[in-house]
Amino acid sequence: MVSVFDVAKYILEKQGMMSTWKLQKLCYYAQAWHYTWTEQRLIKEDFQAWRNGPVCRELYVVHKGKFMINSDDIQGVPANLTDNEKDSIDVVLDYYGTREPYDLREQSHSEAPWIKARGDLPVESNSENVISVESMGKYYGSLIYAQANK
């Protein structure tokens, strides 16, 4: 398992400067899909169900107060990633990488892992509830199953 910083640095090196909001969502989707495909965590840190979507607190602490971020702002080591982990991230970037941050926020708000972790909290409420990788695997795995059975 690697750190969120290794994944974030890899994403920023591949995609270039982006909003911190988008980086958080891309790291989340990398975790979610890698777990769905391999049943193994990619990132050792957890994601929480914040009001603006999934957020890794450890990554947030590093970019707090910034709107845009580039690879020089992150002290990760992409070389820690295996080829399989890079492949998972690359697929996520191919699918989600061109989307706008607000679109990624809205998408995550419509998906069961974030909704389930927030429970009955109003959208505007703060939350530190963890989005479990098991809920990610169950939800995103159901999307694969539904697509395969069309």
C-alpha atoms as a PDB file:
ATOM      1  CA  MET A   1       0.000   0.000   0.000  1.00  0.00           C
ATOM      2  CA  VAL A   2       1.264   3.453  -0.897  1.00  0.00           C
ATOM      3  CA  SER A   3       0.498   6.863   0.528  1.00  0.00           C
ATOM      4  CA  VAL A   4      -1.973   9.351  -0.858  1.00  0.00           C
ATOM      5  CA  PHE A   5       1.028  11.577  -1.559  1.00  0.00           C
ATOM      6  CA  ASP A   6       2.590   8.996  -3.894  1.00  0.00           C
ATOM      7  CA  VAL A   7      -0.689   8.766  -5.819  1.00  0.00           C
ATOM      8  CA  ALA A   8      -1.282  12.542  -5.832  1.00  0.00           C
ATOM      9  CA  LYS A   9       2.233  13.233  -7.133  1.00  0.00           C
ATOM     10  CA  TYR A  10       1.780  10.596  -9.866  1.00  0.00           C
ATOM     11  CA  ILE A  11      -1.542  12.157 -10.905  1.00  0.00           C
ATOM     12  CA  LEU A  12      -0.087  15.672 -10.966  1.00  0.00           C
ATOM     13  CA  GLU A  13       2.926  14.538 -12.986  1.00  0.00           C
ATOM     14  CA  LYS A  14       0.584  12.918 -15.532  1.00  0.00           C
ATOM     15  CA  GLN A  15      -2.109  15.626 -15.646  1.00  0.00           C
ATOM     16  CA  GLY A  16      -0.316  18.820 -14.679  1.00  0.00           C
ATOM     17  CA  MET A  17      -1.571  21.588 -12.412  1.00  0.00           C
ATOM     18  CA  MET A  18      -5.161  21.242 -11.246  1.00  0.00           C
ATOM     19  CA  SER A  19      -7.507  22.370  -8.514  1.00  0.00           C
ATOM     20  CA  THR A  20      -7.082  20.777  -5.123  1.00  0.00           C
ATOM     21  CA  TRP A  21     -10.736  19.785  -5.296  1.00  0.00           C
ATOM     22  CA  LYS A  22     -10.155  17.793  -8.486  1.00  0.00           C
ATOM     23  CA  LEU A  23      -7.008  16.164  -7.112  1.00  0.00           C
ATOM     24  CA  GLN A  24      -8.925  14.928  -4.076  1.00  0.00           C
ATOM     25  CA  LYS A  25     -11.619  13.365  -6.254  1.00  0.00           C
ATOM     26  CA  LEU A  26      -9.112  11.725  -8.611  1.00  0.00           C
ATOM     27  CA  CYS A  27      -7.265  10.198  -5.652  1.00  0.00           C
ATOM     28  CA  TYR A  28     -10.591   8.958  -4.286  1.00  0.00           C
ATOM     29  CA  TYR A  29     -11.597   7.358  -7.576  1.00  0.00           C
ATOM     30  CA  ALA A  30      -8.139   5.775  -7.873  1.00  0.00           C
ATOM     31  CA  GLN A  31      -8.660   4.208  -4.433  1.00  0.00           C
ATOM     32  CA  ALA A  32     -12.219   3.143  -5.229  1.00  0.00           C
ATOM     33  CA  TRP A  33     -11.550   1.529  -8.586  1.00  0.00           C
ATOM     34  CA  HIS A  34      -8.268  -0.099  -7.600  1.00  0.00           C
ATOM     35  CA  TYR A  35     -10.016  -1.720  -4.639  1.00  0.00           C
ATOM     36  CA  THR A  36     -12.913  -2.774  -6.869  1.00  0.00           C
ATOM     37  CA  TRP A  37     -10.593  -4.428  -9.374  1.00  0.00           C
ATOM     38  CA  THR A  38      -8.088  -6.000  -6.968  1.00  0.00           C
ATOM     39  CA  GLU A  39      -9.811  -6.178  -3.550  1.00  0.00           C
ATOM     40  CA  GLN A  40      -6.709  -4.439  -2.196  1.00  0.00           C
ATOM     41  CA  ARG A  41      -6.365  -0.889  -0.959  1.00  0.00           C
ATOM     42  CA  LEU A  42      -4.237   1.367  -3.099  1.00  0.00           C
ATOM     43  CA  ILE A  43      -3.880   4.205  -0.578  1.00  0.00           C
ATOM     44  CA  LYS A  44      -3.285   3.545   3.108  1.00  0.00           C
ATOM     45  CA  GLU A  45      -5.056   6.743   4.222  1.00  0.00           C
ATOM     46  CA  ASP A  46      -8.851   6.959   4.425  1.00  0.00           C
ATOM     47  CA  PHE A  47     -11.247   9.239   2.609  1.00  0.00           C
ATOM     48  CA  GLN A  48     -13.895  11.061   4.582  1.00  0.00           C
ATOM     49  CA  ALA A  49     -17.378  12.089   3.435  1.00  0.00           C
ATOM     50  CA  TRP A  50     -16.934  15.862   3.525  1.00  0.00           C
ATOM     51  CA  ARG A  51     -19.695  18.148   2.294  1.00  0.00           C
ATOM     52  CA  ASN A  52     -17.886  18.758  -1.003  1.00  0.00           C
ATOM     53  CA  GLY A  53     -17.335  15.069  -1.614  1.00  0.00           C
ATOM     54  CA  PRO A  54     -14.644  12.576  -0.630  1.00  0.00           C
ATOM     55  CA  VAL A  55     -11.534  14.109   0.949  1.00  0.00           C
ATOM     56  CA  CYS A  56      -8.357  12.589   2.349  1.00  0.00           C
ATOM     57  CA  ARG A  57      -7.569  14.699   5.413  1.00  0.00           C
ATOM     58  CA  GLU A  58      -3.813  14.060   5.204  1.00  0.00           C
ATOM     59  CA  LEU A  59      -3.719  15.413   1.644  1.00  0.00           C
ATOM     60  CA  TYR A  60      -5.976  18.312   2.593  1.00  0.00           C
ATOM     61  CA  VAL A  61      -3.566  19.400   5.345  1.00  0.00           C
ATOM     62  CA  VAL A  62      -0.804  19.754   2.719  1.00  0.00           C
ATOM     63  CA  HIS A  63      -2.856  21.805   0.238  1.00  0.00           C
ATOM     64  CA  LYS A  64      -5.077  23.732   2.673  1.00  0.00           C
ATOM     65  CA  GLY A  65      -5.520  27.332   1.535  1.00  0.00           C
ATOM     66  CA  LYS A  66      -4.502  26.613  -2.064  1.00  0.00           C
ATOM     67  CA  PHE A  67      -6.896  26.522  -4.988  1.00  0.00           C
ATOM     68  CA  MET A  68      -4.461  25.104  -7.550  1.00  0.00           C
ATOM     69  CA  ILE A  69      -1.675  22.592  -6.978  1.00  0.00           C
ATOM     70  CA  ASN A  70       1.163  21.101  -9.002  1.00  0.00           C
ATOM     71  CA  SER A  71       3.536  18.200  -8.512  1.00  0.00           C
ATOM     72  CA  ASP A  72       6.171  20.381  -6.811  1.00  0.00           C
ATOM     73  CA  ASP A  73       3.692  20.973  -3.960  1.00  0.00           C
ATOM     74  CA  ILE A  74       3.514  17.265  -3.046  1.00  0.00           C
ATOM     75  CA  GLN A  75       6.288  15.235  -1.446  1.00  0.00           C
ATOM     76  CA  GLY A  76       5.181  11.858  -2.780  1.00  0.00           C
ATOM     77  CA  VAL A  77       7.272   9.229  -4.549  1.00  0.00           C
ATOM     78  CA  PRO A  78       5.528   7.846  -7.657  1.00  0.00           C
ATOM     79  CA  ALA A  79       8.282   5.210  -7.970  1.00  0.00           C
ATOM     80  CA  ASN A  80       6.660   3.523  -4.940  1.00  0.00           C
ATOM     81  CA  LEU A  81       3.719   2.565  -7.183  1.00  0.00           C
ATOM     82  CA  THR A  82       3.710  -0.840  -8.850  1.00  0.00           C
ATOM     83  CA  ASP A  83       2.914  -1.158 -12.557  1.00  0.00           C
ATOM     84  CA  ASN A  84      -0.495  -2.586 -11.613  1.00  0.00           C
ATOM     85  CA  GLU A  85      -1.216   0.407  -9.360  1.00  0.00           C
ATOM     86  CA  LYS A  86      -0.143   2.818 -12.105  1.00  0.00           C
ATOM     87  CA  ASP A  87      -2.406   0.983 -14.550  1.00  0.00           C
ATOM     88  CA  SER A  88      -5.370   1.452 -12.208  1.00  0.00           C
ATOM     89  CA  ILE A  89      -4.635   5.150 -11.809  1.00  0.00           C
ATOM     90  CA  ASP A  90      -4.155   5.581 -15.564  1.00  0.00           C
ATOM     91  CA  VAL A  91      -7.573   4.061 -16.273  1.00  0.00           C
ATOM     92  CA  VAL A  92      -9.122   6.422 -13.719  1.00  0.00           C
ATOM     93  CA  LEU A  93      -7.358   9.392 -15.310  1.00  0.00           C
ATOM     94  CA  ASP A  94      -8.512   8.349 -18.787  1.00  0.00           C
ATOM     95  CA  TYR A  95     -12.113   8.276 -17.586  1.00  0.00           C
ATOM     96  CA  TYR A  96     -12.274  11.068 -14.990  1.00  0.00           C
ATOM     97  CA  GLY A  97      -9.226  13.192 -15.773  1.00  0.00           C
ATOM     98  CA  THR A  98     -10.853  15.592 -18.232  1.00  0.00           C
ATOM     99  CA  ARG A  99     -13.896  16.252 -16.050  1.00  0.00           C
ATOM    100  CA  GLU A 100     -14.382  19.502 -14.210  1.00  0.00           C
ATOM    101  CA  PRO A 101     -14.056  19.542 -10.409  1.00  0.00           C
ATOM    102  CA  TYR A 102     -17.719  20.439  -9.937  1.00  0.00           C
ATOM    103  CA  ASP A 103     -18.770  17.528 -12.141  1.00  0.00           C
ATOM    104  CA  LEU A 104     -16.660  15.154 -10.044  1.00  0.00           C
ATOM    105  CA  ARG A 105     -18.200  16.622  -6.881  1.00  0.00           C
ATOM    106  CA  GLU A 106     -21.724  16.111  -8.193  1.00  0.00           C
ATOM    107  CA  GLN A 107     -20.939  12.594  -9.332  1.00  0.00           C
ATOM    108  CA  SER A 108     -19.497  11.595  -5.960  1.00  0.00           C
ATOM    109  CA  HIS A 109     -22.555  13.111  -4.250  1.00  0.00           C
ATOM    110  CA  SER A 110     -24.814  10.829  -6.266  1.00  0.00           C
ATOM    111  CA  GLU A 111     -22.927   7.630  -5.421  1.00  0.00           C
ATOM    112  CA  ALA A 112     -23.663   5.227  -2.578  1.00  0.00           C
ATOM    113  CA  PRO A 113     -20.268   5.235  -0.782  1.00  0.00           C
ATOM    114  CA  TRP A 114     -20.393   8.991  -0.033  1.00  0.00           C
ATOM    115  CA  ILE A 115     -24.145   8.945   0.642  1.00  0.00           C
ATOM    116  CA  LYS A 116     -23.870   5.959   2.987  1.00  0.00           C
ATOM    117  CA  ALA A 117     -20.924   7.425   4.901  1.00  0.00           C
ATOM    118  CA  ARG A 118     -22.796  10.696   5.461  1.00  0.00           C
ATOM    119  CA  GLY A 119     -25.937   8.972   6.683  1.00  0.00           C
ATOM    120  CA  ASP A 120     -28.674  11.468   7.544  1.00  0.00           C
ATOM    121  CA  LEU A 121     -26.434  14.538   7.608  1.00  0.00           C
ATOM    122  CA  PRO A 122     -27.634  17.507   5.565  1.00  0.00           C
ATOM    123  CA  VAL A 123     -25.455  18.286   2.519  1.00  0.00           C
ATOM    124  CA  GLU A 124     -24.190  21.509   4.126  1.00  0.00           C
ATOM    125  CA  SER A 125     -23.019  19.770   7.327  1.00  0.00           C
ATOM    126  CA  ASN A 126     -19.404  18.911   8.007  1.00  0.00           C
ATOM    127  CA  SER A 127     -18.483  15.263   8.397  1.00  0.00           C
ATOM    128  CA  GLU A 128     -15.404  13.221   9.200  1.00  0.00           C
ATOM    129  CA  ASN A 129     -17.166   9.911   8.568  1.00  0.00           C
ATOM    130  CA  VAL A 130     -14.883   7.480   6.758  1.00  0.00           C
ATOM    131  CA  ILE A 131     -15.942   6.126   3.369  1.00  0.00           C
ATOM    132  CA  SER A 132     -15.037   2.457   3.677  1.00  0.00           C
ATOM    133  CA  VAL A 133     -13.176   0.736   0.872  1.00  0.00           C
ATOM    134  CA  GLU A 134     -15.657  -2.122   1.240  1.00  0.00           C
ATOM    135  CA  SER A 135     -18.530   0.219   0.348  1.00  0.00           C
ATOM    136  CA  MET A 136     -16.504   1.478  -2.610  1.00  0.00           C
ATOM    137  CA  GLY A 137     -15.864  -2.047  -3.848  1.00  0.00           C
ATOM    138  CA  LYS A 138     -19.487  -3.055  -3.441  1.00  0.00           C
ATOM    139  CA  TYR A 139     -20.854  -0.001  -5.236  1.00  0.00           C
ATOM    140  CA  TYR A 140     -18.364   0.263  -8.108  1.00  0.00           C
ATOM    141  CA  GLY A 141     -18.367  -3.523  -8.502  1.00  0.00           C
ATOM    142  CA  SER A 142     -22.144  -3.358  -8.969  1.00  0.00           C
ATOM    143  CA  LEU A 143     -21.600  -0.902 -11.835  1.00  0.00           C
ATOM    144  CA  ILE A 144     -19.300  -3.398 -13.560  1.00  0.00           C
ATOM    145  CA  TYR A 145     -21.817  -6.182 -13.011  1.00  0.00           C
ATOM    146  CA  ALA A 146     -24.698  -4.058 -14.365  1.00  0.00           C
ATOM    147  CA  GLN A 147     -22.674  -3.067 -17.423  1.00  0.00           C
ATOM    148  CA  ALA A 148     -21.655  -6.666 -18.113  1.00  0.00           C
ATOM    149  CA  ASN A 149     -25.259  -7.867 -17.940  1.00  0.00           C
ATOM    150  CA  LYS A 150     -26.758  -5.314 -20.329  1.00  0.00           C
END
